[in-house]
Amino acid sequence: MTAITPGERLFARCAHAPNSRGYCGPRTTELEAVALGGTGDVLAAARRFSGVWVYLDLAAQQLGRDDPLALDLVQAYWLGTPPPPGFARPAFARDLVQRIANQAGSYWKYLTPELEAEVVPTHGFHVFGVYPWSRLLHRGAPEPLMVLESCRLTPARVLAVSGAGPGDRLLVAARPLECVDGELRLRAERERWVEYTLGGGTFFDAPPRVGDWVALHWDFACTALTAAQAAALEADTVEQVRCVNLRAEA
């Protein structure tokens, strides 16, 4: 098997948490193995993700690339960093909405050309714009907010490290979502403990330290972030929250 590329490694790390819960993609242990530093067929697994694969595949096609798991494309999707030069958002938005709508059939009736104005090639858009949960916030039930909070990638600052063995955790500061009178918001930073070890290993190339930035996915610290990546991820979330509120007002 060929060596794992940085893009494949990042994909495995960011996709593992929902995949391991059975929410996204195929039943596989390969993503976990790759995320922990091993090998596996990430491309075969990624092709079976009905959501993220559409974004990566369309972006690669538009840019004339033959590697949808190139690092810059994977970072743009999971971390909200700027897409590569040459990326044309209007054409991408049109093709994305059409392709996802065709997959969904009549189940999600809001996947129409009107949604194209919100489209960006990020997981944040998929969570807040494509999934139905943001459209259920007005009902007041806790589940939509919980799913949005868990499913999005959240930037967090490490405040303390309890250890590096099985069950050890990180104390982090992150901005949670809240919904007040039907308006979605990002609250001020709050502290919480999160898991970051799995099977005696971690998804980090170097042990996390106090002051580092990490990304959280389903309450699991899945990858290290640079300060610039953390800022991009937060900016993407802020924009998605803005779109959700504008949509609710319409």
C-alpha atoms as a PDB file:
ATOM      1  CA  MET A   1       0.000   0.000   0.000  1.00  0.00           C
ATOM      2  CA  THR A   2       1.278   3.467  -0.890  1.00  0.00           C
ATOM      3  CA  ALA A   3       2.208   5.960   1.804  1.00  0.00           C
ATOM      4  CA  ILE A   4      -0.608   7.968   3.368  1.00  0.00           C
ATOM      5  CA  THR A   5      -0.678  11.579   2.185  1.00  0.00           C
ATOM      6  CA  PRO A   6      -1.243  14.538   4.543  1.00  0.00           C
ATOM      7  CA  GLY A   7      -4.667  15.098   2.992  1.00  0.00           C
ATOM      8  CA  GLU A   8      -5.683  11.490   3.573  1.00  0.00           C
ATOM      9  CA  ARG A   9      -4.462  11.660   7.170  1.00  0.00           C
ATOM     10  CA  LEU A  10      -6.439  14.833   7.871  1.00  0.00           C
ATOM     11  CA  PHE A  11      -9.548  13.391   6.228  1.00  0.00           C
ATOM     12  CA  ALA A  12      -9.334  10.278   8.398  1.00  0.00           C
ATOM     13  CA  ARG A  13      -8.876  12.310  11.570  1.00  0.00           C
ATOM     14  CA  CYS A  14     -11.767  14.680  10.932  1.00  0.00           C
ATOM     15  CA  ALA A  15     -14.148  12.012   9.612  1.00  0.00           C
ATOM     16  CA  HIS A  16     -13.501   9.379  12.254  1.00  0.00           C
ATOM     17  CA  ALA A  17     -15.815  10.528  15.060  1.00  0.00           C
ATOM     18  CA  PRO A  18     -19.130  10.495  13.139  1.00  0.00           C
ATOM     19  CA  ASN A  19     -18.036   7.470  11.120  1.00  0.00           C
ATOM     20  CA  SER A  20     -17.293   5.455  14.257  1.00  0.00           C
ATOM     21  CA  ARG A  21     -20.797   6.256  15.522  1.00  0.00           C
ATOM     22  CA  GLY A  22     -22.386   5.024  12.297  1.00  0.00           C
ATOM     23  CA  TYR A  23     -23.564   8.480  11.214  1.00  0.00           C
ATOM     24  CA  CYS A  24     -21.479   8.962   8.062  1.00  0.00           C
ATOM     25  CA  GLY A  25     -19.683   6.778   5.566  1.00  0.00           C
ATOM     26  CA  PRO A  26     -19.023   3.037   5.491  1.00  0.00           C
ATOM     27  CA  ARG A  27     -18.425   0.609   8.320  1.00  0.00           C
ATOM     28  CA  THR A  28     -14.642   0.556   8.454  1.00  0.00           C
ATOM     29  CA  THR A  29     -11.720   0.488  10.855  1.00  0.00           C
ATOM     30  CA  GLU A  30      -9.332   1.929   8.287  1.00  0.00           C
ATOM     31  CA  LEU A  31     -10.060   5.570   9.107  1.00  0.00           C
ATOM     32  CA  GLU A  32      -9.179   4.943  12.744  1.00  0.00           C
ATOM     33  CA  ALA A  33      -5.959   3.173  11.767  1.00  0.00           C
ATOM     34  CA  VAL A  34      -4.894   6.012   9.472  1.00  0.00           C
ATOM     35  CA  ALA A  35      -5.905   8.684  12.000  1.00  0.00           C
ATOM     36  CA  LEU A  36      -3.657   7.004  14.570  1.00  0.00           C
ATOM     37  CA  GLY A  37      -0.697   7.089  12.160  1.00  0.00           C
ATOM     38  CA  GLY A  38      -1.126   3.773  10.361  1.00  0.00           C
ATOM     39  CA  THR A  39      -2.180   2.862   6.842  1.00  0.00           C
ATOM     40  CA  GLY A  40      -5.428   2.076   5.059  1.00  0.00           C
ATOM     41  CA  ASP A  41      -7.420   2.782   1.908  1.00  0.00           C
ATOM     42  CA  VAL A  42      -8.728   6.245   2.733  1.00  0.00           C
ATOM     43  CA  LEU A  43      -9.820   6.972  -0.836  1.00  0.00           C
ATOM     44  CA  ALA A  44     -12.098   3.933  -0.971  1.00  0.00           C
ATOM     45  CA  ALA A  45     -13.673   4.913   2.348  1.00  0.00           C
ATOM     46  CA  ALA A  46     -14.033   8.588   1.378  1.00  0.00           C
ATOM     47  CA  ARG A  47     -15.900   7.695  -1.810  1.00  0.00           C
ATOM     48  CA  ARG A  48     -18.622   6.128   0.333  1.00  0.00           C
ATOM     49  CA  PHE A  49     -19.336   9.331   2.274  1.00  0.00           C
ATOM     50  CA  SER A  50     -22.448  10.718   0.584  1.00  0.00           C
ATOM     51  CA  GLY A  51     -21.814  14.220   1.948  1.00  0.00           C
ATOM     52  CA  VAL A  52     -18.146  15.186   2.081  1.00  0.00           C
ATOM     53  CA  TRP A  53     -17.207  13.243  -1.058  1.00  0.00           C
ATOM     54  CA  VAL A  54     -19.487  15.414  -3.193  1.00  0.00           C
ATOM     55  CA  TYR A  55     -17.620  18.558  -2.098  1.00  0.00           C
ATOM     56  CA  LEU A  56     -14.137  17.128  -2.586  1.00  0.00           C
ATOM     57  CA  ASP A  57     -14.958  15.446  -5.890  1.00  0.00           C
ATOM     58  CA  LEU A  58     -16.633  18.530  -7.394  1.00  0.00           C
ATOM     59  CA  ALA A  59     -13.835  20.838  -6.233  1.00  0.00           C
ATOM     60  CA  ALA A  60     -11.191  18.554  -7.730  1.00  0.00           C
ATOM     61  CA  GLN A  61     -13.090  18.317 -11.008  1.00  0.00           C
ATOM     62  CA  GLN A  62     -13.495  22.074 -11.236  1.00  0.00           C
ATOM     63  CA  LEU A  63      -9.783  22.632 -10.631  1.00  0.00           C
ATOM     64  CA  GLY A  64      -8.722  19.909 -13.047  1.00  0.00           C
ATOM     65  CA  ARG A  65      -7.230  17.839 -10.229  1.00  0.00           C
ATOM     66  CA  ASP A  66      -7.020  14.054 -10.040  1.00  0.00           C
ATOM     67  CA  ASP A  67      -6.721  13.932  -6.235  1.00  0.00           C
ATOM     68  CA  PRO A  68      -9.883  14.911  -4.318  1.00  0.00           C
ATOM     69  CA  LEU A  69      -7.989  14.199  -1.083  1.00  0.00           C
ATOM     70  CA  ALA A  70      -5.280  16.786  -1.738  1.00  0.00           C
ATOM     71  CA  LEU A  71      -4.439  18.593   1.493  1.00  0.00           C
ATOM     72  CA  ASP A  72      -5.681  22.028   0.398  1.00  0.00           C
ATOM     73  CA  LEU A  73      -9.074  20.613  -0.636  1.00  0.00           C
ATOM     74  CA  VAL A  74      -9.456  18.613   2.575  1.00  0.00           C
ATOM     75  CA  GLN A  75      -8.458  21.614   4.706  1.00  0.00           C
ATOM     76  CA  ALA A  76     -10.928  23.845   2.869  1.00  0.00           C
ATOM     77  CA  TYR A  77     -13.751  21.387   3.558  1.00  0.00           C
ATOM     78  CA  TRP A  78     -13.102  20.392   7.156  1.00  0.00           C
ATOM     79  CA  LEU A  79     -11.371  23.527   8.481  1.00  0.00           C
ATOM     80  CA  GLY A  80     -12.946  26.302   6.398  1.00  0.00           C
ATOM     81  CA  THR A  81      -9.628  27.561   5.026  1.00  0.00           C
ATOM     82  CA  PRO A  82      -9.698  29.419   1.676  1.00  0.00           C
ATOM     83  CA  PRO A  83     -10.157  27.156  -1.358  1.00  0.00           C
ATOM     84  CA  PRO A  84      -7.284  26.940  -3.874  1.00  0.00           C
ATOM     85  CA  PRO A  85      -6.797  29.598  -6.579  1.00  0.00           C
ATOM     86  CA  GLY A  86      -9.042  28.973  -9.544  1.00  0.00           C
ATOM     87  CA  PHE A  87     -11.980  27.795  -7.463  1.00  0.00           C
ATOM     88  CA  ALA A  88     -15.214  29.285  -8.876  1.00  0.00           C
ATOM     89  CA  ARG A  89     -17.863  29.406  -6.187  1.00  0.00           C
ATOM     90  CA  PRO A  90     -20.968  30.140  -8.356  1.00  0.00           C
ATOM     91  CA  ALA A  91     -20.411  27.135 -10.628  1.00  0.00           C
ATOM     92  CA  PHE A  92     -19.499  24.948  -7.668  1.00  0.00           C
ATOM     93  CA  ALA A  93     -22.641  26.059  -5.800  1.00  0.00           C
ATOM     94  CA  ARG A  94     -24.904  25.252  -8.736  1.00  0.00           C
ATOM     95  CA  ASP A  95     -23.426  21.801  -9.277  1.00  0.00           C
ATOM     96  CA  LEU A  96     -23.301  20.993  -5.544  1.00  0.00           C
ATOM     97  CA  VAL A  97     -26.942  21.802  -4.826  1.00  0.00           C
ATOM     98  CA  GLN A  98     -28.082  19.886  -7.899  1.00  0.00           C
ATOM     99  CA  ARG A  99     -26.013  16.819  -7.045  1.00  0.00           C
ATOM    100  CA  ILE A 100     -27.052  16.697  -3.386  1.00  0.00           C
ATOM    101  CA  ALA A 101     -30.696  17.329  -4.301  1.00  0.00           C
ATOM    102  CA  ASN A 102     -30.568  14.430  -6.748  1.00  0.00           C
ATOM    103  CA  GLN A 103     -29.189  12.177  -3.994  1.00  0.00           C
ATOM    104  CA  ALA A 104     -31.789  13.302  -1.460  1.00  0.00           C
ATOM    105  CA  GLY A 105     -34.749  13.033  -3.810  1.00  0.00           C
ATOM    106  CA  SER A 106     -37.855  14.632  -2.309  1.00  0.00           C
ATOM    107  CA  TYR A 107     -36.723  14.135   1.291  1.00  0.00           C
ATOM    108  CA  TRP A 108     -35.095  17.572   1.757  1.00  0.00           C
ATOM    109  CA  LYS A 109     -37.305  19.868  -0.316  1.00  0.00           C
ATOM    110  CA  TYR A 110     -35.281  23.010   0.475  1.00  0.00           C
ATOM    111  CA  LEU A 111     -32.308  21.868  -1.673  1.00  0.00           C
ATOM    112  CA  THR A 112     -33.203  24.252  -4.484  1.00  0.00           C
ATOM    113  CA  PRO A 113     -31.321  26.929  -6.449  1.00  0.00           C
ATOM    114  CA  GLU A 114     -32.282  29.441  -3.733  1.00  0.00           C
ATOM    115  CA  LEU A 115     -29.726  27.769  -1.459  1.00  0.00           C
ATOM    116  CA  GLU A 116     -26.853  28.445  -3.874  1.00  0.00           C
ATOM    117  CA  ALA A 117     -26.185  31.907  -2.420  1.00  0.00           C
ATOM    118  CA  GLU A 118     -25.113  30.295   0.867  1.00  0.00           C
ATOM    119  CA  VAL A 119     -22.855  27.616  -0.597  1.00  0.00           C
ATOM    120  CA  VAL A 120     -19.202  27.441   0.387  1.00  0.00           C
ATOM    121  CA  PRO A 121     -17.095  24.255   0.089  1.00  0.00           C
ATOM    122  CA  THR A 122     -17.024  23.574   3.829  1.00  0.00           C
ATOM    123  CA  HIS A 123     -18.312  21.087   6.361  1.00  0.00           C
ATOM    124  CA  GLY A 124     -19.847  24.048   8.162  1.00  0.00           C
ATOM    125  CA  PHE A 125     -22.137  24.726   5.218  1.00  0.00           C
ATOM    126  CA  HIS A 126     -23.077  21.056   4.995  1.00  0.00           C
ATOM    127  CA  VAL A 127     -24.000  20.967   8.704  1.00  0.00           C
ATOM    128  CA  PHE A 128     -25.881  24.265   8.855  1.00  0.00           C
ATOM    129  CA  GLY A 129     -27.108  24.605   5.273  1.00  0.00           C
ATOM    130  CA  VAL A 130     -27.764  21.112   3.925  1.00  0.00           C
ATOM    131  CA  TYR A 131     -28.722  19.066   6.969  1.00  0.00           C
ATOM    132  CA  PRO A 132     -32.256  19.789   8.261  1.00  0.00           C
ATOM    133  CA  TRP A 133     -31.321  20.562  11.879  1.00  0.00           C
ATOM    134  CA  SER A 134     -30.995  24.342  11.581  1.00  0.00           C
ATOM    135  CA  ARG A 135     -34.535  24.433  10.204  1.00  0.00           C
ATOM    136  CA  LEU A 136     -35.883  22.708  13.319  1.00  0.00           C
ATOM    137  CA  LEU A 137     -34.497  25.117  15.912  1.00  0.00           C
ATOM    138  CA  HIS A 138     -37.745  27.071  16.100  1.00  0.00           C
ATOM    139  CA  ARG A 139     -39.525  24.049  17.575  1.00  0.00           C
ATOM    140  CA  GLY A 140     -37.631  24.501  20.840  1.00  0.00           C
ATOM    141  CA  ALA A 141     -36.577  20.841  21.234  1.00  0.00           C
ATOM    142  CA  PRO A 142     -32.971  20.312  22.375  1.00  0.00           C
ATOM    143  CA  GLU A 143     -31.959  17.759  19.732  1.00  0.00           C
ATOM    144  CA  PRO A 144     -31.350  20.113  16.761  1.00  0.00           C
ATOM    145  CA  LEU A 145     -29.004  22.355  18.754  1.00  0.00           C
ATOM    146  CA  MET A 146     -27.197  19.340  20.204  1.00  0.00           C
ATOM    147  CA  VAL A 147     -26.631  17.838  16.758  1.00  0.00           C
ATOM    148  CA  LEU A 148     -25.424  21.125  15.275  1.00  0.00           C
ATOM    149  CA  GLU A 149     -23.014  21.585  18.176  1.00  0.00           C
ATOM    150  CA  SER A 150     -21.665  18.038  17.920  1.00  0.00           C
ATOM    151  CA  CYS A 151     -21.536  17.693  14.154  1.00  0.00           C
ATOM    152  CA  ARG A 152     -19.718  20.932  13.395  1.00  0.00           C
ATOM    153  CA  LEU A 153     -15.950  21.133  13.861  1.00  0.00           C
ATOM    154  CA  THR A 154     -15.214  23.479  16.743  1.00  0.00           C
ATOM    155  CA  PRO A 155     -11.901  25.281  17.360  1.00  0.00           C
ATOM    156  CA  ALA A 156     -10.771  25.027  20.988  1.00  0.00           C
ATOM    157  CA  ARG A 157      -7.787  26.178  23.057  1.00  0.00           C
ATOM    158  CA  VAL A 158      -6.056  23.645  25.273  1.00  0.00           C
ATOM    159  CA  LEU A 159      -6.015  24.740  28.928  1.00  0.00           C
ATOM    160  CA  ALA A 160      -4.759  21.537  30.559  1.00  0.00           C
ATOM    161  CA  VAL A 161      -3.708  18.001  29.656  1.00  0.00           C
ATOM    162  CA  SER A 162      -4.622  15.248  32.105  1.00  0.00           C
ATOM    163  CA  GLY A 163      -2.200  12.705  30.604  1.00  0.00           C
ATOM    164  CA  ALA A 164      -1.652  10.626  27.487  1.00  0.00           C
ATOM    165  CA  GLY A 165      -3.024   7.226  28.457  1.00  0.00           C
ATOM    166  CA  PRO A 166      -6.382   5.617  27.666  1.00  0.00           C
ATOM    167  CA  GLY A 167      -9.211   7.735  29.036  1.00  0.00           C
ATOM    168  CA  ASP A 168      -7.078  10.833  29.563  1.00  0.00           C
ATOM    169  CA  ARG A 169      -8.566  14.119  28.438  1.00  0.00           C
ATOM    170  CA  LEU A 170      -7.945  17.724  27.503  1.00  0.00           C
ATOM    171  CA  LEU A 171      -9.441  20.727  29.273  1.00  0.00           C
ATOM    172  CA  VAL A 172     -10.344  23.139  26.483  1.00  0.00           C
ATOM    173  CA  ALA A 173     -12.028  26.503  26.024  1.00  0.00           C
ATOM    174  CA  ALA A 174     -14.466  26.737  23.131  1.00  0.00           C
ATOM    175  CA  ARG A 175     -17.468  28.806  22.080  1.00  0.00           C
ATOM    176  CA  PRO A 176     -20.670  26.715  22.184  1.00  0.00           C
ATOM    177  CA  LEU A 177     -23.819  27.378  20.214  1.00  0.00           C
ATOM    178  CA  GLU A 178     -27.014  28.587  21.825  1.00  0.00           C
ATOM    179  CA  CYS A 179     -30.464  29.410  20.508  1.00  0.00           C
ATOM    180  CA  VAL A 180     -32.306  32.316  22.168  1.00  0.00           C
ATOM    181  CA  ASP A 181     -35.797  33.277  21.001  1.00  0.00           C
ATOM    182  CA  GLY A 182     -35.186  31.465  17.739  1.00  0.00           C
ATOM    183  CA  GLU A 183     -31.849  33.177  17.067  1.00  0.00           C
ATOM    184  CA  LEU A 184     -28.731  31.024  16.785  1.00  0.00           C
ATOM    185  CA  ARG A 185     -25.618  32.438  18.478  1.00  0.00           C
ATOM    186  CA  LEU A 186     -22.065  31.580  19.455  1.00  0.00           C
ATOM    187  CA  ARG A 187     -21.619  32.101  23.192  1.00  0.00           C
ATOM    188  CA  ALA A 188     -18.478  33.293  24.927  1.00  0.00           C
ATOM    189  CA  GLU A 189     -15.812  30.668  25.595  1.00  0.00           C
ATOM    190  CA  ARG A 190     -16.657  27.956  28.104  1.00  0.00           C
ATOM    191  CA  GLU A 191     -14.371  25.319  29.581  1.00  0.00           C
ATOM    192  CA  ARG A 192     -14.979  21.584  29.213  1.00  0.00           C
ATOM    193  CA  TRP A 193     -13.107  18.306  29.271  1.00  0.00           C
ATOM    194  CA  VAL A 194     -12.920  16.314  26.017  1.00  0.00           C
ATOM    195  CA  GLU A 195     -11.474  12.970  24.989  1.00  0.00           C
ATOM    196  CA  TYR A 196      -8.359  12.870  22.829  1.00  0.00           C
ATOM    197  CA  THR A 197      -6.971   9.344  23.178  1.00  0.00           C
ATOM    198  CA  LEU A 198      -8.140   6.221  21.380  1.00  0.00           C
ATOM    199  CA  GLY A 199      -6.792   2.730  21.746  1.00  0.00           C
ATOM    200  CA  GLY A 200      -3.720   4.015  23.525  1.00  0.00           C
ATOM    201  CA  GLY A 201      -2.905   6.551  20.797  1.00  0.00           C
ATOM    202  CA  THR A 202      -3.939  10.009  19.661  1.00  0.00           C
ATOM    203  CA  PHE A 203      -4.656  11.769  16.374  1.00  0.00           C
ATOM    204  CA  PHE A 204      -1.803  14.226  17.003  1.00  0.00           C
ATOM    205  CA  ASP A 205       1.644  14.182  15.433  1.00  0.00           C
ATOM    206  CA  ALA A 206       3.021  15.805  18.609  1.00  0.00           C
ATOM    207  CA  PRO A 207       1.498  15.677  22.105  1.00  0.00           C
ATOM    208  CA  PRO A 208      -0.969  18.546  22.644  1.00  0.00           C
ATOM    209  CA  ARG A 209       0.244  21.231  25.006  1.00  0.00           C
ATOM    210  CA  VAL A 210      -1.374  24.066  26.926  1.00  0.00           C
ATOM    211  CA  GLY A 211      -2.000  26.942  24.528  1.00  0.00           C
ATOM    212  CA  ASP A 212      -2.384  24.744  21.440  1.00  0.00           C
ATOM    213  CA  TRP A 213      -5.440  24.913  19.202  1.00  0.00           C
ATOM    214  CA  VAL A 214      -7.370  21.727  18.421  1.00  0.00           C
ATOM    215  CA  ALA A 215     -10.526  20.857  16.489  1.00  0.00           C
ATOM    216  CA  LEU A 216     -13.395  19.102  18.262  1.00  0.00           C
ATOM    217  CA  HIS A 217     -15.768  16.739  16.472  1.00  0.00           C
ATOM    218  CA  TRP A 218     -18.455  14.966  18.495  1.00  0.00           C
ATOM    219  CA  ASP A 219     -16.617  15.936  21.713  1.00  0.00           C
ATOM    220  CA  PHE A 220     -13.374  14.365  20.504  1.00  0.00           C
ATOM    221  CA  ALA A 221     -10.189  16.357  19.835  1.00  0.00           C
ATOM    222  CA  CYS A 222      -9.497  15.057  16.345  1.00  0.00           C
ATOM    223  CA  THR A 223      -6.632  17.181  15.011  1.00  0.00           C
ATOM    224  CA  ALA A 224      -4.237  19.972  15.859  1.00  0.00           C
ATOM    225  CA  LEU A 225      -4.879  23.416  14.378  1.00  0.00           C
ATOM    226  CA  THR A 226      -2.665  26.355  13.673  1.00  0.00           C
ATOM    227  CA  ALA A 227      -3.912  29.730  14.911  1.00  0.00           C
ATOM    228  CA  ALA A 228      -4.802  30.639  11.310  1.00  0.00           C
ATOM    229  CA  GLN A 229      -6.794  27.424  10.849  1.00  0.00           C
ATOM    230  CA  ALA A 230      -8.629  27.997  14.118  1.00  0.00           C
ATOM    231  CA  ALA A 231      -9.543  31.512  12.973  1.00  0.00           C
ATOM    232  CA  ALA A 232     -10.750  30.224   9.593  1.00  0.00           C
ATOM    233  CA  LEU A 233     -12.876  27.552  11.241  1.00  0.00           C
ATOM    234  CA  GLU A 234     -14.463  30.073  13.589  1.00  0.00           C
ATOM    235  CA  ALA A 235     -15.086  32.539  10.757  1.00  0.00           C
ATOM    236  CA  ASP A 236     -16.838  29.832   8.747  1.00  0.00           C
ATOM    237  CA  THR A 237     -19.050  29.013  11.723  1.00  0.00           C
ATOM    238  CA  VAL A 238     -19.902  32.681  12.266  1.00  0.00           C
ATOM    239  CA  GLU A 239     -20.933  32.953   8.618  1.00  0.00           C
ATOM    240  CA  GLN A 240     -23.066  29.820   8.804  1.00  0.00           C
ATOM    241  CA  VAL A 241     -24.813  31.123  11.929  1.00  0.00           C
ATOM    242  CA  ARG A 242     -25.518  34.385  10.100  1.00  0.00           C
ATOM    243  CA  CYS A 243     -27.046  32.480   7.173  1.00  0.00           C
ATOM    244  CA  VAL A 244     -29.212  30.375   9.467  1.00  0.00           C
ATOM    245  CA  ASN A 245     -30.639  33.498  11.121  1.00  0.00           C
ATOM    246  CA  LEU A 246     -31.247  35.255   7.802  1.00  0.00           C
ATOM    247  CA  ARG A 247     -33.038  32.175   6.522  1.00  0.00           C
ATOM    248  CA  ALA A 248     -35.225  32.077   9.646  1.00  0.00           C
ATOM    249  CA  GLU A 249     -36.231  35.702   9.135  1.00  0.00           C
ATOM    250  CA  ALA A 250     -37.252  35.219   5.504  1.00  0.00           C
END
